[in-house]
Amino acid sequence: MKGEPKEVSDVAHISKPQDRHLSTSSSVNWQTLTTMNPKRTNAKNTGKQLEKLLDAIHADYRLRGIADLEKVDPPVRVLGGGFKRRVIFKENPFLDYMGAIIESGQLLMIEAKSTADATLPCGAKNGVTAKQIASMKRWQAAGALTAVVWYCISKQAARLVTIEDIDITLDHRKSVTWETAIEIENDFDYLAQLIKIKQPEKSNEIGA
C-alpha cells in the first residue's frame, strides 16, 4: 500500500503478539467504536469509524501472524487536466477488505457495513448491494472466505453475515435481522468466528 502506514493509536491500543491464536484476548474491541467520538452518531460517520476500527483489528491480526488484510479502494479514472480535471470512481470488483490467512494463504474477502437500526438490507443501495452479493458468491466459489462485518449503531455491537445468511434471507424478506446474524463471540475476533462457522475442522488448528 502506498504512503505512510495508517495510524491506529487513536482507535485502540494494539498489544504485541503473544501467539497465533485467534481467540487470544486483545485490547481492541467493538465497544471502542461507540467511544471514539460520541458526538458522531450518523451512519456515514460511524462507517468511517468502523473502517478505523477494522484497520486496528487487522493490524492486530498482522502483528500476531494470523492474517493480513488491506482496505481496497475503488479504481478511478482521471479525465482532462487543470480546472477541467474530473475523477470518475469506477466499480470496485472486490469487497471492502482483501487479504489472506498467513499460514494457509487462503484468500479473505470482507465487506464492512454499518446501519442505524437492527436490519441490514440485501440487494439494495443502502445495504449489501446485488453486485456485492454476486462478488461474495464469486470469490467464495473460487475458494475464498467471505463475509459481511455488520455494525449496528442502535445495538452498539457487530455481527457477521455470510452469503448463506443472505441467500436464506432473500427467500423470505429483503433484510437480514439482528437476531438472524451471527454473534461475534470474542469481542473483535470476527475471523475466528468466521473460520469456526465455515471451516470447523480447521478452527482448532489456529485457535479459533
N, C-alpha and C. Protein backbone atom coordinates (compact mmCIF):
# COMPACT_ATOMS: atom_id res chain seq x y z
N MET A 1 0.84 -1.18 0.00
CA MET A 1 0.00 0.00 0.00
C MET A 1 0.88 1.23 0.00
N LYS A 2 0.56 2.22 -0.85
CA LYS A 2 1.40 3.38 -0.97
C LYS A 2 1.21 4.32 0.20
N GLY A 3 2.28 5.12 0.48
CA GLY A 3 2.17 6.12 1.53
C GLY A 3 2.57 5.59 2.88
N GLU A 4 2.41 6.43 3.89
CA GLU A 4 2.79 6.05 5.24
C GLU A 4 1.78 5.08 5.84
N PRO A 5 2.22 4.21 6.79
CA PRO A 5 1.30 3.29 7.44
C PRO A 5 0.21 4.05 8.18
N LYS A 6 -0.97 3.50 8.24
CA LYS A 6 -2.07 4.15 8.92
C LYS A 6 -1.85 4.16 10.43
N GLU A 7 -2.20 5.29 11.06
CA GLU A 7 -2.11 5.38 12.50
C GLU A 7 -3.32 4.70 13.11
N VAL A 8 -3.11 3.91 14.15
CA VAL A 8 -4.22 3.25 14.82
C VAL A 8 -4.27 3.60 16.29
N SER A 9 -3.35 4.44 16.76
CA SER A 9 -3.29 4.76 18.18
C SER A 9 -4.51 5.52 18.66
N ASP A 10 -5.21 6.25 17.73
CA ASP A 10 -6.39 6.99 18.13
C ASP A 10 -7.62 6.12 18.20
N VAL A 11 -7.51 4.89 17.77
CA VAL A 11 -8.64 3.98 17.79
C VAL A 11 -8.56 3.02 18.96
N ALA A 12 -7.43 2.39 19.11
CA ALA A 12 -7.26 1.42 20.18
C ALA A 12 -5.78 1.10 20.32
N HIS A 13 -5.39 0.72 21.51
CA HIS A 13 -4.02 0.28 21.72
C HIS A 13 -3.88 -1.13 21.21
N ILE A 14 -2.90 -1.38 20.37
CA ILE A 14 -2.69 -2.71 19.82
C ILE A 14 -1.59 -3.40 20.62
N SER A 15 -1.95 -4.50 21.25
CA SER A 15 -0.97 -5.22 22.04
C SER A 15 -0.02 -5.99 21.15
N LYS A 16 1.18 -6.24 21.64
CA LYS A 16 2.16 -7.01 20.87
C LYS A 16 1.74 -8.46 20.80
N PRO A 17 2.16 -9.17 19.74
CA PRO A 17 1.70 -10.54 19.56
C PRO A 17 2.19 -11.46 20.67
N GLN A 18 1.27 -12.31 21.13
CA GLN A 18 1.61 -13.31 22.12
C GLN A 18 1.70 -14.69 21.47
N ASP A 19 0.78 -14.98 20.57
CA ASP A 19 0.80 -16.23 19.82
C ASP A 19 -0.10 -16.07 18.61
N ARG A 20 -0.33 -17.17 17.88
CA ARG A 20 -1.11 -17.09 16.65
C ARG A 20 -2.58 -17.40 16.88
N HIS A 21 -3.00 -17.57 18.12
CA HIS A 21 -4.37 -17.97 18.37
C HIS A 21 -5.33 -16.81 18.15
N LEU A 22 -6.32 -17.04 17.33
CA LEU A 22 -7.30 -16.01 17.06
C LEU A 22 -8.10 -15.66 18.29
N SER A 23 -8.23 -16.59 19.23
CA SER A 23 -9.05 -16.34 20.40
C SER A 23 -8.27 -15.65 21.51
N THR A 24 -6.99 -15.35 21.32
CA THR A 24 -6.23 -14.63 22.32
C THR A 24 -6.85 -13.27 22.56
N SER A 25 -7.01 -12.88 23.83
CA SER A 25 -7.65 -11.60 24.14
C SER A 25 -6.78 -10.45 23.68
N SER A 26 -7.42 -9.34 23.36
CA SER A 26 -6.73 -8.15 22.92
C SER A 26 -7.47 -6.94 23.43
N SER A 27 -6.78 -5.80 23.51
CA SER A 27 -7.43 -4.58 23.97
C SER A 27 -8.28 -3.94 22.89
N VAL A 28 -8.21 -4.46 21.66
CA VAL A 28 -9.09 -3.98 20.60
C VAL A 28 -10.45 -4.64 20.79
N ASN A 29 -11.53 -3.86 20.82
CA ASN A 29 -12.85 -4.45 20.93
C ASN A 29 -13.89 -3.56 20.28
N TRP A 30 -15.05 -4.14 20.02
CA TRP A 30 -16.10 -3.43 19.28
C TRP A 30 -16.63 -2.23 20.06
N GLN A 31 -16.53 -2.25 21.38
CA GLN A 31 -17.03 -1.13 22.16
C GLN A 31 -16.25 0.15 21.88
N THR A 32 -15.01 0.02 21.39
CA THR A 32 -14.23 1.19 21.02
C THR A 32 -14.97 2.05 20.02
N LEU A 33 -15.74 1.41 19.17
CA LEU A 33 -16.46 2.13 18.12
C LEU A 33 -17.43 3.15 18.68
N THR A 34 -18.03 2.87 19.82
CA THR A 34 -19.04 3.75 20.39
C THR A 34 -18.42 4.84 21.26
N THR A 35 -17.12 4.78 21.52
CA THR A 35 -16.49 5.75 22.40
C THR A 35 -15.48 6.64 21.69
N MET A 36 -15.20 6.38 20.41
CA MET A 36 -14.20 7.18 19.71
C MET A 36 -14.62 8.64 19.59
N ASN A 37 -15.88 8.86 19.27
CA ASN A 37 -16.39 10.23 19.18
C ASN A 37 -17.90 10.19 19.39
N PRO A 38 -18.36 10.36 20.63
CA PRO A 38 -19.78 10.20 20.93
C PRO A 38 -20.67 11.21 20.21
N LYS A 39 -20.12 12.33 19.70
CA LYS A 39 -20.92 13.32 19.00
C LYS A 39 -21.26 12.88 17.58
N ARG A 40 -20.54 11.91 17.08
CA ARG A 40 -20.76 11.44 15.72
C ARG A 40 -21.61 10.18 15.76
N THR A 41 -22.88 10.32 15.45
CA THR A 41 -23.76 9.17 15.55
C THR A 41 -24.46 8.83 14.25
N ASN A 42 -24.25 9.62 13.17
CA ASN A 42 -24.93 9.27 11.93
C ASN A 42 -24.21 8.12 11.24
N ALA A 43 -24.93 7.48 10.32
CA ALA A 43 -24.41 6.25 9.69
C ALA A 43 -23.13 6.50 8.92
N LYS A 44 -23.03 7.68 8.25
CA LYS A 44 -21.85 7.96 7.44
C LYS A 44 -20.61 8.04 8.30
N ASN A 45 -20.68 8.80 9.40
CA ASN A 45 -19.53 8.95 10.28
C ASN A 45 -19.18 7.63 10.95
N THR A 46 -20.21 6.88 11.37
CA THR A 46 -19.94 5.61 12.02
C THR A 46 -19.30 4.64 11.04
N GLY A 47 -19.64 4.77 9.74
CA GLY A 47 -18.98 3.94 8.73
C GLY A 47 -17.50 4.21 8.68
N LYS A 48 -17.10 5.49 8.79
CA LYS A 48 -15.67 5.82 8.81
C LYS A 48 -15.03 5.32 10.09
N GLN A 49 -15.75 5.40 11.19
CA GLN A 49 -15.21 4.90 12.45
C GLN A 49 -15.05 3.38 12.42
N LEU A 50 -16.03 2.71 11.78
CA LEU A 50 -15.93 1.26 11.62
C LEU A 50 -14.70 0.92 10.80
N GLU A 51 -14.42 1.71 9.76
CA GLU A 51 -13.22 1.48 8.94
C GLU A 51 -11.96 1.62 9.78
N LYS A 52 -11.91 2.64 10.64
CA LYS A 52 -10.73 2.83 11.50
C LYS A 52 -10.57 1.66 12.46
N LEU A 53 -11.69 1.21 13.02
CA LEU A 53 -11.61 0.10 13.96
C LEU A 53 -11.15 -1.18 13.27
N LEU A 54 -11.67 -1.44 12.06
CA LEU A 54 -11.23 -2.62 11.32
C LEU A 54 -9.76 -2.52 10.96
N ASP A 55 -9.28 -1.31 10.66
CA ASP A 55 -7.84 -1.13 10.41
C ASP A 55 -7.04 -1.55 11.64
N ALA A 56 -7.53 -1.17 12.82
CA ALA A 56 -6.84 -1.53 14.06
C ALA A 56 -6.89 -3.04 14.31
N ILE A 57 -8.06 -3.64 14.07
CA ILE A 57 -8.21 -5.08 14.24
C ILE A 57 -7.28 -5.83 13.29
N HIS A 58 -7.23 -5.38 12.04
CA HIS A 58 -6.39 -6.05 11.05
C HIS A 58 -4.91 -5.86 11.37
N ALA A 59 -4.55 -4.73 11.94
CA ALA A 59 -3.17 -4.53 12.38
C ALA A 59 -2.82 -5.51 13.49
N ASP A 60 -3.77 -5.76 14.37
CA ASP A 60 -3.57 -6.73 15.46
C ASP A 60 -3.42 -8.14 14.90
N TYR A 61 -4.26 -8.52 13.92
CA TYR A 61 -4.11 -9.82 13.27
C TYR A 61 -2.72 -9.96 12.65
N ARG A 62 -2.28 -8.88 12.01
CA ARG A 62 -0.98 -8.90 11.32
C ARG A 62 0.16 -9.06 12.33
N LEU A 63 0.07 -8.33 13.42
CA LEU A 63 1.12 -8.40 14.45
C LEU A 63 1.22 -9.80 15.05
N ARG A 64 0.08 -10.46 15.18
CA ARG A 64 0.06 -11.80 15.77
C ARG A 64 0.25 -12.91 14.74
N GLY A 65 0.54 -12.52 13.49
CA GLY A 65 0.85 -13.51 12.46
C GLY A 65 -0.33 -14.36 12.07
N ILE A 66 -1.54 -13.80 12.14
CA ILE A 66 -2.75 -14.56 11.84
C ILE A 66 -3.24 -14.32 10.42
N ALA A 67 -3.43 -13.07 10.07
CA ALA A 67 -3.94 -12.72 8.74
C ALA A 67 -3.43 -11.35 8.34
N ASP A 68 -3.44 -11.09 7.05
CA ASP A 68 -3.02 -9.78 6.53
C ASP A 68 -4.11 -9.28 5.59
N LEU A 69 -4.79 -8.20 6.00
CA LEU A 69 -5.87 -7.63 5.17
C LEU A 69 -5.64 -6.15 4.97
N GLU A 70 -6.05 -5.65 3.81
CA GLU A 70 -5.94 -4.23 3.49
C GLU A 70 -7.26 -3.74 2.91
N LYS A 71 -7.54 -2.45 3.13
CA LYS A 71 -8.71 -1.81 2.54
C LYS A 71 -8.51 -1.71 1.03
N VAL A 72 -9.54 -2.05 0.28
CA VAL A 72 -9.48 -2.00 -1.18
C VAL A 72 -10.27 -0.77 -1.65
N ASP A 73 -9.57 0.22 -2.14
CA ASP A 73 -10.24 1.41 -2.66
C ASP A 73 -10.70 1.16 -4.10
N PRO A 74 -11.83 1.73 -4.49
CA PRO A 74 -12.31 1.53 -5.86
C PRO A 74 -11.36 2.16 -6.88
N PRO A 75 -11.21 1.56 -8.04
CA PRO A 75 -10.35 2.15 -9.08
C PRO A 75 -10.95 3.46 -9.58
N VAL A 76 -10.07 4.38 -10.01
CA VAL A 76 -10.54 5.67 -10.53
C VAL A 76 -9.99 5.92 -11.92
N ARG A 77 -10.69 6.78 -12.65
CA ARG A 77 -10.22 7.20 -13.97
C ARG A 77 -10.20 8.72 -13.98
N VAL A 78 -9.06 9.30 -14.34
CA VAL A 78 -8.91 10.75 -14.36
C VAL A 78 -9.04 11.24 -15.80
N LEU A 79 -9.94 12.20 -15.99
CA LEU A 79 -10.16 12.77 -17.33
C LEU A 79 -9.78 14.24 -17.33
N GLY A 80 -9.07 14.66 -18.36
CA GLY A 80 -8.71 16.06 -18.51
C GLY A 80 -7.64 16.49 -17.52
N GLY A 81 -7.44 17.80 -17.45
CA GLY A 81 -6.43 18.35 -16.55
C GLY A 81 -6.81 19.76 -16.14
N GLY A 82 -6.09 20.29 -15.18
CA GLY A 82 -6.35 21.64 -14.71
C GLY A 82 -7.73 21.76 -14.11
N PHE A 83 -8.42 22.89 -14.44
CA PHE A 83 -9.75 23.12 -13.90
C PHE A 83 -10.79 22.17 -14.49
N LYS A 84 -10.45 21.55 -15.62
CA LYS A 84 -11.38 20.62 -16.26
C LYS A 84 -11.16 19.17 -15.84
N ARG A 85 -10.26 18.99 -14.91
CA ARG A 85 -9.93 17.63 -14.45
C ARG A 85 -11.13 17.00 -13.73
N ARG A 86 -11.44 15.79 -14.12
CA ARG A 86 -12.54 15.05 -13.49
C ARG A 86 -12.04 13.68 -13.05
N VAL A 87 -12.48 13.26 -11.88
CA VAL A 87 -12.14 11.94 -11.36
C VAL A 87 -13.41 11.10 -11.32
N ILE A 88 -13.39 10.00 -12.02
CA ILE A 88 -14.55 9.11 -12.06
C ILE A 88 -14.22 7.85 -11.26
N PHE A 89 -15.04 7.59 -10.26
CA PHE A 89 -14.86 6.39 -9.45
C PHE A 89 -15.54 5.22 -10.15
N LYS A 90 -14.74 4.21 -10.45
CA LYS A 90 -15.27 3.05 -11.15
C LYS A 90 -15.74 2.00 -10.15
N GLU A 91 -16.44 1.04 -10.66
CA GLU A 91 -16.98 -0.01 -9.80
C GLU A 91 -15.86 -0.88 -9.22
N ASN A 92 -15.97 -1.15 -7.93
CA ASN A 92 -14.96 -1.98 -7.27
C ASN A 92 -15.29 -3.46 -7.51
N PRO A 93 -14.38 -4.22 -8.16
CA PRO A 93 -14.66 -5.63 -8.41
C PRO A 93 -14.46 -6.51 -7.18
N PHE A 94 -13.94 -5.91 -6.10
CA PHE A 94 -13.67 -6.65 -4.88
C PHE A 94 -14.61 -6.18 -3.77
N LEU A 95 -14.43 -6.71 -2.57
CA LEU A 95 -15.15 -6.24 -1.40
C LEU A 95 -14.28 -5.21 -0.68
N ASP A 96 -14.74 -4.72 0.48
CA ASP A 96 -14.04 -3.63 1.16
C ASP A 96 -12.62 -3.99 1.60
N TYR A 97 -12.44 -5.24 2.04
CA TYR A 97 -11.13 -5.67 2.53
C TYR A 97 -10.72 -6.97 1.85
N MET A 98 -9.45 -7.05 1.52
CA MET A 98 -8.92 -8.23 0.83
C MET A 98 -7.60 -8.61 1.47
N GLY A 99 -7.38 -9.91 1.65
CA GLY A 99 -6.14 -10.36 2.25
C GLY A 99 -6.08 -11.87 2.27
N ALA A 100 -5.32 -12.40 3.24
CA ALA A 100 -5.16 -13.85 3.31
C ALA A 100 -4.81 -14.28 4.72
N ILE A 101 -5.16 -15.52 5.04
CA ILE A 101 -4.69 -16.13 6.28
C ILE A 101 -3.22 -16.44 6.09
N ILE A 102 -2.39 -16.03 7.01
CA ILE A 102 -0.95 -16.08 6.80
C ILE A 102 -0.41 -17.51 6.67
N GLU A 103 -0.83 -18.42 7.51
CA GLU A 103 -0.26 -19.77 7.47
C GLU A 103 -0.71 -20.57 6.24
N SER A 104 -1.99 -20.46 5.88
CA SER A 104 -2.52 -21.26 4.77
C SER A 104 -2.50 -20.54 3.44
N GLY A 105 -2.50 -19.20 3.49
CA GLY A 105 -2.56 -18.42 2.26
C GLY A 105 -3.96 -18.31 1.68
N GLN A 106 -4.98 -18.78 2.41
CA GLN A 106 -6.36 -18.72 1.90
C GLN A 106 -6.82 -17.27 1.79
N LEU A 107 -7.46 -16.97 0.69
CA LEU A 107 -7.95 -15.62 0.41
C LEU A 107 -9.09 -15.24 1.35
N LEU A 108 -9.07 -13.97 1.80
CA LEU A 108 -10.13 -13.41 2.63
C LEU A 108 -10.75 -12.22 1.90
N MET A 109 -12.07 -12.17 1.83
CA MET A 109 -12.77 -11.05 1.21
C MET A 109 -13.87 -10.62 2.17
N ILE A 110 -13.74 -9.41 2.72
CA ILE A 110 -14.65 -8.95 3.76
C ILE A 110 -15.32 -7.64 3.35
N GLU A 111 -16.63 -7.59 3.51
CA GLU A 111 -17.40 -6.36 3.29
C GLU A 111 -17.78 -5.78 4.65
N ALA A 112 -17.65 -4.47 4.81
CA ALA A 112 -17.99 -3.80 6.07
C ALA A 112 -19.23 -2.94 5.87
N LYS A 113 -20.21 -3.10 6.77
CA LYS A 113 -21.44 -2.32 6.69
C LYS A 113 -21.83 -1.81 8.08
N SER A 114 -22.37 -0.59 8.12
CA SER A 114 -22.93 -0.08 9.37
C SER A 114 -24.33 0.45 9.09
N THR A 115 -25.25 0.21 10.01
CA THR A 115 -26.62 0.68 9.88
C THR A 115 -27.07 1.32 11.18
N ALA A 116 -28.06 2.21 11.07
CA ALA A 116 -28.59 2.87 12.26
C ALA A 116 -29.44 1.92 13.09
N ASP A 117 -30.23 1.08 12.43
CA ASP A 117 -31.09 0.16 13.16
C ASP A 117 -30.67 -1.28 12.93
N ALA A 118 -31.44 -2.19 13.50
CA ALA A 118 -31.03 -3.60 13.54
C ALA A 118 -31.52 -4.40 12.34
N THR A 119 -31.48 -3.81 11.16
CA THR A 119 -31.76 -4.55 9.93
C THR A 119 -30.71 -4.18 8.89
N LEU A 120 -30.30 -5.16 8.11
CA LEU A 120 -29.32 -4.96 7.06
C LEU A 120 -29.95 -5.30 5.71
N PRO A 121 -30.30 -4.29 4.91
CA PRO A 121 -30.92 -4.55 3.61
C PRO A 121 -29.99 -5.35 2.69
N CYS A 122 -30.58 -6.24 1.92
CA CYS A 122 -29.81 -7.06 0.97
C CYS A 122 -30.33 -6.82 -0.44
N GLY A 123 -29.41 -6.54 -1.36
CA GLY A 123 -29.78 -6.27 -2.73
C GLY A 123 -30.19 -4.83 -2.96
N ALA A 124 -29.92 -3.95 -1.97
CA ALA A 124 -30.30 -2.54 -2.07
C ALA A 124 -29.08 -1.65 -1.87
N LYS A 125 -29.17 -0.42 -2.36
CA LYS A 125 -28.03 0.50 -2.29
C LYS A 125 -27.66 0.88 -0.87
N ASN A 126 -28.62 0.88 0.04
CA ASN A 126 -28.33 1.26 1.42
C ASN A 126 -27.92 0.09 2.30
N GLY A 127 -27.58 -1.02 1.67
CA GLY A 127 -27.13 -2.20 2.41
C GLY A 127 -26.09 -2.96 1.61
N VAL A 128 -26.20 -4.27 1.61
CA VAL A 128 -25.32 -5.10 0.78
C VAL A 128 -25.94 -5.12 -0.62
N THR A 129 -25.27 -4.53 -1.58
CA THR A 129 -25.84 -4.40 -2.93
C THR A 129 -25.85 -5.74 -3.66
N ALA A 130 -26.64 -5.79 -4.72
CA ALA A 130 -26.73 -7.00 -5.54
C ALA A 130 -25.35 -7.38 -6.10
N LYS A 131 -24.58 -6.38 -6.50
CA LYS A 131 -23.25 -6.65 -7.06
C LYS A 131 -22.27 -7.14 -5.99
N GLN A 132 -22.41 -6.64 -4.77
CA GLN A 132 -21.57 -7.14 -3.68
C GLN A 132 -21.94 -8.57 -3.32
N ILE A 133 -23.22 -8.88 -3.36
CA ILE A 133 -23.66 -10.26 -3.13
C ILE A 133 -23.08 -11.18 -4.20
N ALA A 134 -23.14 -10.74 -5.45
CA ALA A 134 -22.59 -11.54 -6.55
C ALA A 134 -21.08 -11.72 -6.39
N SER A 135 -20.40 -10.67 -5.92
CA SER A 135 -18.96 -10.74 -5.71
C SER A 135 -18.62 -11.73 -4.59
N MET A 136 -19.41 -11.71 -3.51
CA MET A 136 -19.19 -12.68 -2.42
C MET A 136 -19.32 -14.11 -2.93
N LYS A 137 -20.36 -14.35 -3.73
CA LYS A 137 -20.58 -15.70 -4.27
C LYS A 137 -19.45 -16.11 -5.20
N ARG A 138 -19.01 -15.18 -6.02
CA ARG A 138 -17.94 -15.46 -6.98
C ARG A 138 -16.65 -15.85 -6.27
N TRP A 139 -16.25 -15.04 -5.27
CA TRP A 139 -14.99 -15.30 -4.60
C TRP A 139 -15.06 -16.51 -3.68
N GLN A 140 -16.23 -16.74 -3.08
CA GLN A 140 -16.36 -17.94 -2.25
C GLN A 140 -16.28 -19.20 -3.11
N ALA A 141 -16.87 -19.15 -4.31
CA ALA A 141 -16.81 -20.29 -5.23
C ALA A 141 -15.37 -20.58 -5.66
N ALA A 142 -14.53 -19.53 -5.64
CA ALA A 142 -13.12 -19.69 -6.02
C ALA A 142 -12.25 -20.14 -4.84
N GLY A 143 -12.86 -20.29 -3.66
CA GLY A 143 -12.11 -20.80 -2.51
C GLY A 143 -11.84 -19.80 -1.40
N ALA A 144 -12.33 -18.57 -1.55
CA ALA A 144 -12.09 -17.54 -0.53
C ALA A 144 -13.07 -17.67 0.63
N LEU A 145 -12.67 -17.15 1.79
CA LEU A 145 -13.59 -16.97 2.90
C LEU A 145 -14.18 -15.57 2.76
N THR A 146 -15.51 -15.48 2.71
CA THR A 146 -16.16 -14.18 2.54
C THR A 146 -17.21 -13.98 3.62
N ALA A 147 -17.44 -12.72 3.98
CA ALA A 147 -18.47 -12.40 4.96
C ALA A 147 -18.68 -10.89 5.01
N VAL A 148 -19.78 -10.49 5.62
CA VAL A 148 -20.04 -9.08 5.91
C VAL A 148 -19.86 -8.88 7.41
N VAL A 149 -19.02 -7.90 7.79
CA VAL A 149 -18.94 -7.48 9.18
C VAL A 149 -19.92 -6.32 9.33
N TRP A 150 -20.98 -6.53 10.09
CA TRP A 150 -22.09 -5.57 10.19
C TRP A 150 -22.10 -4.93 11.57
N TYR A 151 -21.96 -3.60 11.59
CA TYR A 151 -22.06 -2.87 12.86
C TYR A 151 -23.40 -2.15 12.93
N CYS A 152 -24.14 -2.37 14.01
CA CYS A 152 -25.43 -1.74 14.24
C CYS A 152 -25.28 -0.64 15.29
N ILE A 153 -25.59 0.59 14.92
CA ILE A 153 -25.42 1.73 15.82
C ILE A 153 -26.33 1.60 17.04
N SER A 154 -27.60 1.25 16.83
CA SER A 154 -28.54 1.17 17.95
C SER A 154 -28.17 0.06 18.93
N LYS A 155 -27.54 -1.02 18.45
CA LYS A 155 -27.12 -2.12 19.31
C LYS A 155 -25.73 -1.90 19.89
N GLN A 156 -24.96 -0.99 19.28
CA GLN A 156 -23.57 -0.73 19.68
C GLN A 156 -22.76 -2.03 19.71
N ALA A 157 -22.92 -2.82 18.65
CA ALA A 157 -22.23 -4.10 18.56
C ALA A 157 -22.14 -4.52 17.10
N ALA A 158 -21.33 -5.54 16.84
CA ALA A 158 -21.15 -6.03 15.47
C ALA A 158 -21.49 -7.51 15.38
N ARG A 159 -21.94 -7.91 14.20
CA ARG A 159 -22.22 -9.32 13.94
C ARG A 159 -21.73 -9.68 12.53
N LEU A 160 -21.68 -10.97 12.28
CA LEU A 160 -21.26 -11.49 10.98
C LEU A 160 -22.47 -11.91 10.15
N VAL A 161 -22.36 -11.71 8.85
CA VAL A 161 -23.38 -12.19 7.91
C VAL A 161 -22.66 -12.89 6.78
N THR A 162 -23.00 -14.15 6.54
CA THR A 162 -22.38 -14.91 5.46
C THR A 162 -23.27 -14.86 4.22
N ILE A 163 -22.74 -15.32 3.11
CA ILE A 163 -23.53 -15.34 1.88
C ILE A 163 -24.70 -16.31 2.01
N GLU A 164 -24.53 -17.36 2.81
CA GLU A 164 -25.63 -18.30 3.05
C GLU A 164 -26.76 -17.61 3.82
N ASP A 165 -26.39 -16.76 4.79
CA ASP A 165 -27.40 -16.00 5.54
C ASP A 165 -28.20 -15.09 4.60
N ILE A 166 -27.48 -14.46 3.68
CA ILE A 166 -28.14 -13.55 2.73
C ILE A 166 -29.08 -14.32 1.81
N ASP A 167 -28.64 -15.47 1.31
CA ASP A 167 -29.49 -16.28 0.43
C ASP A 167 -30.77 -16.72 1.13
N ILE A 168 -30.62 -17.16 2.39
CA ILE A 168 -31.80 -17.59 3.16
C ILE A 168 -32.74 -16.41 3.38
N THR A 169 -32.16 -15.25 3.69
CA THR A 169 -32.97 -14.05 3.91
C THR A 169 -33.77 -13.68 2.68
N LEU A 170 -33.12 -13.68 1.51
CA LEU A 170 -33.78 -13.25 0.28
C LEU A 170 -34.89 -14.20 -0.17
N ASP A 171 -34.92 -15.40 0.42
CA ASP A 171 -36.02 -16.31 0.13
C ASP A 171 -37.32 -15.87 0.81
N HIS A 172 -37.19 -15.05 1.87
CA HIS A 172 -38.36 -14.69 2.66
C HIS A 172 -38.57 -13.18 2.85
N ARG A 173 -37.45 -12.43 2.88
CA ARG A 173 -37.56 -10.99 3.14
C ARG A 173 -36.43 -10.25 2.44
N LYS A 174 -36.35 -8.94 2.64
CA LYS A 174 -35.36 -8.13 1.96
C LYS A 174 -34.20 -7.69 2.84
N SER A 175 -34.26 -8.00 4.14
CA SER A 175 -33.21 -7.56 5.06
C SER A 175 -32.85 -8.66 6.06
N VAL A 176 -31.57 -8.73 6.40
CA VAL A 176 -31.10 -9.60 7.48
C VAL A 176 -31.45 -8.91 8.80
N THR A 177 -32.02 -9.63 9.73
CA THR A 177 -32.33 -9.06 11.04
C THR A 177 -31.19 -9.35 12.01
N TRP A 178 -31.14 -8.56 13.07
CA TRP A 178 -30.08 -8.72 14.07
C TRP A 178 -30.11 -10.12 14.69
N GLU A 179 -31.31 -10.65 14.89
CA GLU A 179 -31.45 -11.96 15.53
C GLU A 179 -30.91 -13.09 14.66
N THR A 180 -30.96 -12.93 13.34
CA THR A 180 -30.50 -14.00 12.45
C THR A 180 -29.03 -13.86 12.07
N ALA A 181 -28.42 -12.71 12.36
CA ALA A 181 -26.99 -12.54 12.10
C ALA A 181 -26.18 -13.30 13.14
N ILE A 182 -24.92 -13.55 12.84
CA ILE A 182 -24.07 -14.39 13.68
C ILE A 182 -23.34 -13.55 14.72
N GLU A 183 -23.53 -13.88 15.99
CA GLU A 183 -22.87 -13.16 17.07
C GLU A 183 -21.37 -13.40 17.02
N ILE A 184 -20.59 -12.34 17.22
CA ILE A 184 -19.13 -12.46 17.30
C ILE A 184 -18.78 -12.69 18.76
N GLU A 185 -18.34 -13.88 19.08
CA GLU A 185 -18.23 -14.30 20.48
C GLU A 185 -17.10 -13.63 21.24
N ASN A 186 -15.97 -13.39 20.59
CA ASN A 186 -14.79 -12.87 21.29
C ASN A 186 -14.49 -11.43 20.93
N ASP A 187 -15.39 -10.53 21.30
CA ASP A 187 -15.25 -9.11 21.02
C ASP A 187 -15.00 -8.86 19.53
N PHE A 188 -13.79 -8.46 19.20
CA PHE A 188 -13.46 -8.07 17.82
C PHE A 188 -13.18 -9.25 16.91
N ASP A 189 -13.08 -10.45 17.44
CA ASP A 189 -12.45 -11.55 16.71
C ASP A 189 -13.36 -12.18 15.66
N TYR A 190 -13.74 -11.39 14.66
CA TYR A 190 -14.67 -11.88 13.65
C TYR A 190 -14.07 -13.00 12.81
N LEU A 191 -12.76 -12.99 12.62
CA LEU A 191 -12.13 -14.01 11.78
C LEU A 191 -12.20 -15.39 12.44
N ALA A 192 -12.00 -15.43 13.75
CA ALA A 192 -12.13 -16.70 14.46
C ALA A 192 -13.54 -17.25 14.34
N GLN A 193 -14.52 -16.36 14.44
CA GLN A 193 -15.91 -16.79 14.33
C GLN A 193 -16.22 -17.27 12.92
N LEU A 194 -15.69 -16.59 11.91
CA LEU A 194 -15.92 -16.99 10.52
C LEU A 194 -15.34 -18.36 10.23
N ILE A 195 -14.12 -18.61 10.71
CA ILE A 195 -13.49 -19.92 10.49
C ILE A 195 -14.24 -21.01 11.25
N LYS A 196 -14.71 -20.69 12.44
CA LYS A 196 -15.46 -21.66 13.25
C LYS A 196 -16.72 -22.10 12.51
N ILE A 197 -17.35 -21.17 11.79
CA ILE A 197 -18.58 -21.47 11.06
C ILE A 197 -18.30 -22.16 9.73
N LYS A 198 -17.35 -21.62 8.99
CA LYS A 198 -17.07 -22.10 7.63
C LYS A 198 -16.18 -23.34 7.58
N GLN A 199 -15.21 -23.38 8.48
CA GLN A 199 -14.23 -24.47 8.46
C GLN A 199 -13.99 -24.99 9.87
N PRO A 200 -15.00 -25.59 10.50
CA PRO A 200 -14.85 -26.04 11.88
C PRO A 200 -13.71 -27.03 12.09
N GLU A 201 -13.40 -27.78 11.03
CA GLU A 201 -12.30 -28.75 11.15
C GLU A 201 -10.95 -28.07 11.29
N LYS A 202 -10.85 -26.78 10.89
CA LYS A 202 -9.59 -26.05 10.97
C LYS A 202 -9.52 -25.10 12.16
N SER A 203 -10.65 -24.93 12.86
CA SER A 203 -10.70 -23.91 13.92
C SER A 203 -9.71 -24.20 15.03
N ASN A 204 -9.53 -25.45 15.39
CA ASN A 204 -8.59 -25.78 16.46
C ASN A 204 -7.14 -25.58 16.05
N GLU A 205 -6.88 -25.70 14.75
CA GLU A 205 -5.51 -25.57 14.26
C GLU A 205 -4.96 -24.16 14.46
N ILE A 206 -5.85 -23.16 14.41
CA ILE A 206 -5.39 -21.78 14.55
C ILE A 206 -6.03 -21.08 15.72
N GLY A 207 -6.58 -21.87 16.62
CA GLY A 207 -7.03 -21.33 17.89
C GLY A 207 -8.37 -20.65 17.86
N ALA A 208 -9.18 -20.89 16.81
CA ALA A 208 -10.49 -20.24 16.76
C ALA A 208 -11.44 -20.85 17.78
